[in-house]
């Protein structure tokens, strides 16, 4: 989990399991997220963006 955060700028929710969606850290702007997550994300709130696990 820590490697995901360090390498992909995402966080994992409580009780997260490998393969589940992850949260894009708030420090990543939408413009930067477009480059990092070309398949997109779902914005649950303006500060809460969810995407597929990036290293699968």
Protein backbone atom coordinates (compact mmCIF):
# COMPACT_ATOMS: atom_id res chain seq x y z
CA UNK A 1 0.00 0.00 0.00
CA UNK A 2 2.79 2.44 0.82
CA UNK A 3 4.39 1.79 -2.55
CA UNK A 4 1.14 2.75 -4.28
CA UNK A 5 1.17 6.08 -2.47
CA UNK A 6 4.84 6.73 -3.15
CA UNK A 7 4.86 5.63 -6.78
CA UNK A 8 1.40 6.57 -8.06
CA UNK A 9 0.13 9.45 -5.87
CA UNK A 10 -2.88 7.52 -4.62
CA UNK A 11 -4.18 6.54 -1.20
CA UNK A 12 -6.04 3.44 -0.12
CA UNK A 13 -9.25 3.47 1.93
CA UNK A 14 -9.62 1.54 5.18
CA UNK A 15 -10.05 -2.21 4.62
CA UNK A 16 -8.71 -1.84 1.07
CA UNK A 17 -7.80 -5.03 -0.82
CA UNK A 18 -5.47 -5.44 -3.81
CA UNK A 19 -7.33 -4.69 -7.02
CA UNK A 20 -9.93 -2.36 -5.55
CA UNK A 21 -10.27 1.30 -6.47
CA UNK A 22 -7.91 3.85 -4.92
CA UNK A 23 -8.20 7.55 -4.05
CA UNK A 24 -6.18 10.16 -5.92
CA UNK A 25 -4.40 12.27 -3.30
CA UNK A 26 -5.76 15.82 -3.02
CA UNK A 27 -2.33 17.34 -3.75
CA UNK A 28 -2.69 16.16 -7.38
CA UNK A 29 -4.44 18.76 -9.54
CA UNK A 30 -7.03 17.71 -12.12
CA UNK A 31 -4.58 18.65 -14.90
CA UNK A 32 -1.86 16.46 -13.40
CA UNK A 33 -4.38 13.66 -12.80
CA UNK A 34 -5.26 13.66 -16.51
CA UNK A 35 -1.64 12.74 -17.24
CA UNK A 36 -1.28 10.26 -14.38
CA UNK A 37 -4.66 8.54 -14.86
CA UNK A 38 -5.49 8.62 -18.59
CA UNK A 39 -8.42 6.23 -18.09
CA UNK A 40 -10.10 8.86 -15.92
CA UNK A 41 -11.59 8.88 -12.44
CA UNK A 42 -14.89 9.38 -10.66
CA UNK A 43 -15.23 12.55 -8.58
CA UNK A 44 -17.38 11.64 -5.59
CA UNK A 45 -16.75 15.13 -4.13
CA UNK A 46 -14.51 17.93 -5.43
CA UNK A 47 -11.77 16.69 -3.09
CA UNK A 48 -12.48 12.93 -3.44
CA UNK A 49 -11.51 11.34 -6.77
CA UNK A 50 -11.56 7.57 -7.17
CA UNK A 51 -9.78 5.58 -9.88
CA UNK A 52 -8.78 2.00 -10.69
CA UNK A 53 -5.62 0.70 -9.04
CA UNK A 54 -2.86 1.99 -11.36
CA UNK A 55 -0.35 -0.87 -11.23
CA UNK A 56 -2.58 -3.75 -12.35
